Amino acid sequence: MKIQIMKSDERKPLLCEKKKKYVGVCESENDEPKNGVIHAHRTSEGCSAWLVVAASFLCICVLDGTMYSFGCFLDPLMAEMKQSRGTISSVGSLQVALSAFVAPLAAWLV
C-alpha cells in the first residue's frame, strides 16, 4: 500500500483554516477552555435576518392560500359577478398558470 502526501494547495482546507478566513479566529481542538468556559466567536446578523424569514413566510401563506383555496370562493364569486362556473374557474386556472410561468423568471432575478 502506497501513501501519497498531498501538497498544501491540493488538499481541502481544514475547518480551522475556514474559520480563520471567514471569522478571523481559529481555535485548535487541543486548546482547553479557560475557567471551564468555551468562548465562541460568532458574527451576528441581528434581528433583520429573522424579519426577512417571517415576512417571506407570511407572503407565501397569503399568496398560496388565496391561490389554492380558490374553489372555496367559487360560489360567492359566481353570485357576485353573475358569470358561469367555467368563466370564474378559468380565472383561477389562469392565476395558478401565471404563477407557474413567472416562477423561473423570479428565480433568475433572485
N, C-alpha and C. Protein backbone atom coordinates (compact mmCIF):
# COMPACT_ATOMS: atom_id res chain seq x y z
N MET A 1 0.84 -1.16 0.00
CA MET A 1 0.00 0.00 0.00
C MET A 1 0.90 1.24 0.00
N LYS A 2 0.61 2.12 -0.90
CA LYS A 2 1.42 3.31 -1.05
C LYS A 2 0.63 4.52 -0.58
N ILE A 3 1.22 5.33 0.26
CA ILE A 3 0.57 6.52 0.79
C ILE A 3 1.15 7.73 0.09
N GLN A 4 0.26 8.54 -0.45
CA GLN A 4 0.71 9.76 -1.10
C GLN A 4 0.40 10.94 -0.18
N ILE A 5 1.33 11.83 -0.09
CA ILE A 5 1.13 13.04 0.70
C ILE A 5 0.83 14.17 -0.27
N MET A 6 -0.31 14.82 -0.04
CA MET A 6 -0.71 15.91 -0.94
C MET A 6 -0.02 17.20 -0.54
N LYS A 7 0.21 18.02 -1.51
CA LYS A 7 0.75 19.34 -1.24
C LYS A 7 -0.34 20.18 -0.59
N SER A 8 0.05 21.24 0.07
CA SER A 8 -0.92 22.05 0.80
C SER A 8 -1.95 22.70 -0.12
N ASP A 9 -1.58 23.00 -1.37
CA ASP A 9 -2.54 23.63 -2.26
C ASP A 9 -3.46 22.61 -2.93
N GLU A 10 -3.18 21.30 -2.82
CA GLU A 10 -4.01 20.27 -3.42
C GLU A 10 -5.09 19.76 -2.45
N ARG A 11 -4.91 19.98 -1.18
CA ARG A 11 -5.86 19.44 -0.21
C ARG A 11 -6.98 20.41 0.06
N LYS A 12 -8.05 19.88 0.64
CA LYS A 12 -9.16 20.73 1.04
C LYS A 12 -8.75 21.51 2.29
N PRO A 13 -9.27 22.73 2.45
CA PRO A 13 -8.90 23.49 3.65
C PRO A 13 -9.50 22.87 4.90
N LEU A 14 -8.75 22.93 5.97
CA LEU A 14 -9.23 22.41 7.24
C LEU A 14 -10.28 23.34 7.81
N LEU A 15 -11.09 22.81 8.72
CA LEU A 15 -12.14 23.61 9.34
C LEU A 15 -11.55 24.83 10.04
N CYS A 16 -10.41 24.63 10.69
CA CYS A 16 -9.75 25.73 11.39
C CYS A 16 -9.34 26.83 10.40
N GLU A 17 -8.86 26.44 9.23
CA GLU A 17 -8.47 27.43 8.23
C GLU A 17 -9.67 28.19 7.69
N LYS A 18 -10.80 27.50 7.54
CA LYS A 18 -12.02 28.17 7.08
C LYS A 18 -12.51 29.17 8.12
N LYS A 19 -12.45 28.77 9.40
CA LYS A 19 -12.88 29.68 10.46
C LYS A 19 -11.99 30.91 10.49
N LYS A 20 -10.70 30.70 10.30
CA LYS A 20 -9.77 31.83 10.33
C LYS A 20 -10.03 32.78 9.16
N LYS A 21 -10.40 32.22 8.01
CA LYS A 21 -10.64 33.03 6.83
C LYS A 21 -11.92 33.85 6.98
N TYR A 22 -13.01 33.22 7.45
CA TYR A 22 -14.30 33.89 7.47
C TYR A 22 -14.61 34.59 8.79
N VAL A 23 -14.18 34.03 9.91
CA VAL A 23 -14.49 34.60 11.22
C VAL A 23 -13.32 35.37 11.77
N GLY A 24 -12.13 34.96 11.43
CA GLY A 24 -10.94 35.65 11.91
C GLY A 24 -10.31 35.01 13.12
N VAL A 25 -10.91 33.94 13.64
CA VAL A 25 -10.40 33.28 14.83
C VAL A 25 -10.32 31.78 14.55
N CYS A 26 -9.24 31.19 14.95
CA CYS A 26 -9.08 29.75 14.78
C CYS A 26 -8.58 29.17 16.10
N GLU A 27 -9.47 28.42 16.74
CA GLU A 27 -9.07 27.78 17.98
C GLU A 27 -8.75 26.32 17.69
N SER A 28 -7.65 25.87 18.17
CA SER A 28 -7.25 24.49 17.97
C SER A 28 -8.12 23.55 18.79
N GLU A 29 -8.29 22.35 18.30
CA GLU A 29 -9.09 21.37 19.02
C GLU A 29 -8.42 20.96 20.33
N ASN A 30 -7.11 21.14 20.41
CA ASN A 30 -6.38 20.74 21.61
C ASN A 30 -6.43 21.80 22.71
N ASP A 31 -6.89 23.01 22.37
CA ASP A 31 -6.96 24.06 23.37
C ASP A 31 -7.99 23.71 24.43
N GLU A 32 -7.63 23.93 25.64
CA GLU A 32 -8.55 23.68 26.74
C GLU A 32 -9.32 24.96 27.03
N PRO A 33 -10.59 24.84 27.39
CA PRO A 33 -11.34 26.04 27.73
C PRO A 33 -10.79 26.69 28.99
N LYS A 34 -10.77 28.01 29.00
CA LYS A 34 -10.26 28.74 30.14
C LYS A 34 -11.37 28.91 31.16
N ASN A 35 -11.10 28.55 32.40
CA ASN A 35 -12.06 28.65 33.50
C ASN A 35 -13.34 27.86 33.22
N GLY A 36 -13.24 26.81 32.43
CA GLY A 36 -14.40 25.98 32.15
C GLY A 36 -15.38 26.60 31.17
N VAL A 37 -15.02 27.71 30.53
CA VAL A 37 -15.93 28.40 29.62
C VAL A 37 -15.33 28.37 28.22
N ILE A 38 -16.13 27.97 27.28
CA ILE A 38 -15.70 27.99 25.88
C ILE A 38 -16.23 29.28 25.26
N HIS A 39 -15.33 30.06 24.72
CA HIS A 39 -15.73 31.32 24.10
C HIS A 39 -15.92 31.09 22.60
N ALA A 40 -17.12 31.33 22.14
CA ALA A 40 -17.41 31.18 20.72
C ALA A 40 -17.43 32.56 20.08
N HIS A 41 -16.75 32.66 18.97
CA HIS A 41 -16.72 33.92 18.24
C HIS A 41 -17.66 33.78 17.06
N ARG A 42 -18.75 34.54 17.10
CA ARG A 42 -19.73 34.47 16.02
C ARG A 42 -20.01 35.88 15.53
N THR A 43 -20.36 35.93 14.27
CA THR A 43 -20.86 37.19 13.74
C THR A 43 -22.37 37.12 13.79
N SER A 44 -22.99 38.13 14.34
CA SER A 44 -24.43 38.14 14.49
C SER A 44 -25.05 39.03 13.42
N GLU A 45 -26.08 38.53 12.78
CA GLU A 45 -26.80 39.32 11.79
C GLU A 45 -27.94 40.08 12.44
N GLY A 46 -28.13 39.84 13.70
CA GLY A 46 -29.19 40.55 14.40
C GLY A 46 -30.56 40.02 14.06
N CYS A 47 -31.51 40.87 14.22
CA CYS A 47 -32.91 40.50 14.07
C CYS A 47 -33.37 40.61 12.62
N SER A 48 -32.62 41.30 11.78
CA SER A 48 -33.08 41.56 10.42
C SER A 48 -33.23 40.29 9.59
N ALA A 49 -32.38 39.31 9.80
CA ALA A 49 -32.50 38.07 9.05
C ALA A 49 -33.78 37.32 9.41
N TRP A 50 -34.15 37.33 10.68
CA TRP A 50 -35.38 36.66 11.09
C TRP A 50 -36.61 37.42 10.62
N LEU A 51 -36.51 38.74 10.48
CA LEU A 51 -37.62 39.51 9.92
C LEU A 51 -37.85 39.16 8.45
N VAL A 52 -36.79 38.93 7.71
CA VAL A 52 -36.91 38.52 6.32
C VAL A 52 -37.57 37.15 6.23
N VAL A 53 -37.17 36.23 7.10
CA VAL A 53 -37.77 34.90 7.12
C VAL A 53 -39.26 34.98 7.45
N ALA A 54 -39.62 35.78 8.45
CA ALA A 54 -41.02 35.91 8.85
C ALA A 54 -41.85 36.56 7.74
N ALA A 55 -41.32 37.60 7.10
CA ALA A 55 -42.05 38.26 6.02
C ALA A 55 -42.24 37.32 4.83
N SER A 56 -41.22 36.55 4.51
CA SER A 56 -41.33 35.58 3.41
C SER A 56 -42.38 34.52 3.72
N PHE A 57 -42.40 34.04 4.95
CA PHE A 57 -43.37 33.05 5.36
C PHE A 57 -44.80 33.59 5.24
N LEU A 58 -45.01 34.81 5.69
CA LEU A 58 -46.34 35.40 5.60
C LEU A 58 -46.77 35.62 4.16
N CYS A 59 -45.85 36.06 3.30
CA CYS A 59 -46.18 36.24 1.88
C CYS A 59 -46.57 34.92 1.24
N ILE A 60 -45.83 33.87 1.53
CA ILE A 60 -46.15 32.56 0.96
C ILE A 60 -47.49 32.07 1.46
N CYS A 61 -47.76 32.27 2.75
CA CYS A 61 -49.06 31.83 3.31
C CYS A 61 -50.21 32.56 2.65
N VAL A 62 -50.11 33.86 2.50
CA VAL A 62 -51.21 34.63 1.92
C VAL A 62 -51.38 34.32 0.44
N LEU A 63 -50.29 34.35 -0.32
CA LEU A 63 -50.39 34.16 -1.76
C LEU A 63 -50.81 32.73 -2.12
N ASP A 64 -50.17 31.74 -1.54
CA ASP A 64 -50.55 30.36 -1.84
C ASP A 64 -51.92 30.03 -1.26
N GLY A 65 -52.25 30.64 -0.13
CA GLY A 65 -53.57 30.40 0.46
C GLY A 65 -54.69 30.87 -0.43
N THR A 66 -54.55 32.06 -1.01
CA THR A 66 -55.60 32.55 -1.91
C THR A 66 -55.59 31.80 -3.23
N MET A 67 -54.40 31.40 -3.68
CA MET A 67 -54.32 30.72 -4.97
C MET A 67 -54.90 29.32 -4.92
N TYR A 68 -54.61 28.58 -3.87
CA TYR A 68 -55.04 27.18 -3.82
C TYR A 68 -56.36 26.97 -3.09
N SER A 69 -56.93 28.02 -2.53
CA SER A 69 -58.27 27.89 -1.94
C SER A 69 -59.31 28.59 -2.80
N PHE A 70 -59.02 28.73 -4.07
CA PHE A 70 -59.92 29.45 -4.98
C PHE A 70 -61.28 28.77 -5.06
N GLY A 71 -61.33 27.46 -4.94
CA GLY A 71 -62.61 26.73 -5.02
C GLY A 71 -63.57 27.12 -3.92
N CYS A 72 -63.07 27.53 -2.77
CA CYS A 72 -63.95 27.95 -1.67
C CYS A 72 -64.68 29.24 -2.01
N PHE A 73 -64.07 30.07 -2.84
CA PHE A 73 -64.66 31.35 -3.20
C PHE A 73 -65.45 31.29 -4.51
N LEU A 74 -65.56 30.11 -5.09
CA LEU A 74 -66.17 29.99 -6.41
C LEU A 74 -67.65 30.39 -6.40
N ASP A 75 -68.44 29.84 -5.49
CA ASP A 75 -69.88 30.16 -5.46
C ASP A 75 -70.14 31.63 -5.15
N PRO A 76 -69.48 32.24 -4.14
CA PRO A 76 -69.71 33.67 -3.92
C PRO A 76 -69.28 34.54 -5.11
N LEU A 77 -68.20 34.16 -5.79
CA LEU A 77 -67.78 34.93 -6.96
C LEU A 77 -68.77 34.79 -8.11
N MET A 78 -69.32 33.58 -8.29
CA MET A 78 -70.32 33.38 -9.33
C MET A 78 -71.55 34.23 -9.07
N ALA A 79 -71.99 34.30 -7.82
CA ALA A 79 -73.17 35.11 -7.48
C ALA A 79 -72.88 36.59 -7.64
N GLU A 80 -71.71 37.03 -7.25
CA GLU A 80 -71.37 38.46 -7.31
C GLU A 80 -71.16 38.92 -8.75
N MET A 81 -70.45 38.13 -9.54
CA MET A 81 -70.11 38.53 -10.91
C MET A 81 -71.18 38.15 -11.92
N LYS A 82 -72.10 37.27 -11.52
CA LYS A 82 -73.16 36.79 -12.42
C LYS A 82 -72.56 36.17 -13.68
N GLN A 83 -71.59 35.30 -13.46
CA GLN A 83 -70.91 34.60 -14.55
C GLN A 83 -71.03 33.10 -14.32
N SER A 84 -70.74 32.35 -15.36
CA SER A 84 -70.83 30.89 -15.25
C SER A 84 -69.64 30.33 -14.47
N ARG A 85 -69.78 29.07 -14.07
CA ARG A 85 -68.73 28.40 -13.33
C ARG A 85 -67.45 28.30 -14.16
N GLY A 86 -67.59 28.03 -15.44
CA GLY A 86 -66.42 27.90 -16.32
C GLY A 86 -65.64 29.19 -16.46
N THR A 87 -66.34 30.31 -16.55
CA THR A 87 -65.66 31.60 -16.68
C THR A 87 -64.88 31.94 -15.42
N ILE A 88 -65.50 31.75 -14.27
CA ILE A 88 -64.83 32.05 -13.00
C ILE A 88 -63.68 31.07 -12.76
N SER A 89 -63.87 29.80 -13.10
CA SER A 89 -62.81 28.80 -12.92
C SER A 89 -61.62 29.07 -13.82
N SER A 90 -61.88 29.60 -15.01
CA SER A 90 -60.75 29.89 -15.92
C SER A 90 -59.87 30.99 -15.34
N VAL A 91 -60.46 31.93 -14.60
CA VAL A 91 -59.66 32.97 -13.96
C VAL A 91 -58.75 32.36 -12.89
N GLY A 92 -59.29 31.43 -12.09
CA GLY A 92 -58.47 30.75 -11.07
C GLY A 92 -57.36 29.93 -11.70
N SER A 93 -57.66 29.27 -12.81
CA SER A 93 -56.64 28.48 -13.50
C SER A 93 -55.57 29.39 -14.09
N LEU A 94 -55.99 30.53 -14.60
CA LEU A 94 -55.03 31.49 -15.14
C LEU A 94 -54.10 32.02 -14.05
N GLN A 95 -54.64 32.20 -12.87
CA GLN A 95 -53.82 32.68 -11.74
C GLN A 95 -52.73 31.67 -11.39
N VAL A 96 -53.10 30.39 -11.32
CA VAL A 96 -52.11 29.35 -11.00
C VAL A 96 -51.10 29.20 -12.13
N ALA A 97 -51.56 29.23 -13.39
CA ALA A 97 -50.66 29.08 -14.54
C ALA A 97 -49.68 30.25 -14.62
N LEU A 98 -50.17 31.46 -14.38
CA LEU A 98 -49.31 32.63 -14.43
C LEU A 98 -48.23 32.55 -13.35
N SER A 99 -48.61 32.09 -12.18
CA SER A 99 -47.64 31.92 -11.10
C SER A 99 -46.57 30.91 -11.48
N ALA A 100 -46.99 29.83 -12.12
CA ALA A 100 -46.03 28.78 -12.51
C ALA A 100 -45.09 29.27 -13.61
N PHE A 101 -45.59 30.07 -14.54
CA PHE A 101 -44.75 30.53 -15.64
C PHE A 101 -43.82 31.68 -15.23
N VAL A 102 -44.21 32.44 -14.23
CA VAL A 102 -43.39 33.57 -13.78
C VAL A 102 -42.30 33.10 -12.81
N ALA A 103 -42.47 31.93 -12.19
CA ALA A 103 -41.53 31.44 -11.18
C ALA A 103 -40.09 31.33 -11.69
N PRO A 104 -39.83 30.79 -12.90
CA PRO A 104 -38.44 30.75 -13.36
C PRO A 104 -37.81 32.14 -13.55
N LEU A 105 -38.61 33.09 -13.99
CA LEU A 105 -38.11 34.45 -14.14
C LEU A 105 -37.77 35.05 -12.78
N ALA A 106 -38.65 34.83 -11.82
CA ALA A 106 -38.38 35.34 -10.47
C ALA A 106 -37.15 34.67 -9.86
N ALA A 107 -36.97 33.37 -10.11
CA ALA A 107 -35.79 32.67 -9.60
C ALA A 107 -34.52 33.21 -10.24
N TRP A 108 -34.59 33.54 -11.52
CA TRP A 108 -33.42 34.08 -12.20
C TRP A 108 -33.06 35.45 -11.66
N LEU A 109 -34.06 36.25 -11.34
CA LEU A 109 -33.82 37.58 -10.80
C LEU A 109 -33.23 37.57 -9.40
N VAL A 110 -33.58 36.56 -8.64
CA VAL A 110 -33.09 36.47 -7.27
C VAL A 110 -31.69 35.90 -7.33
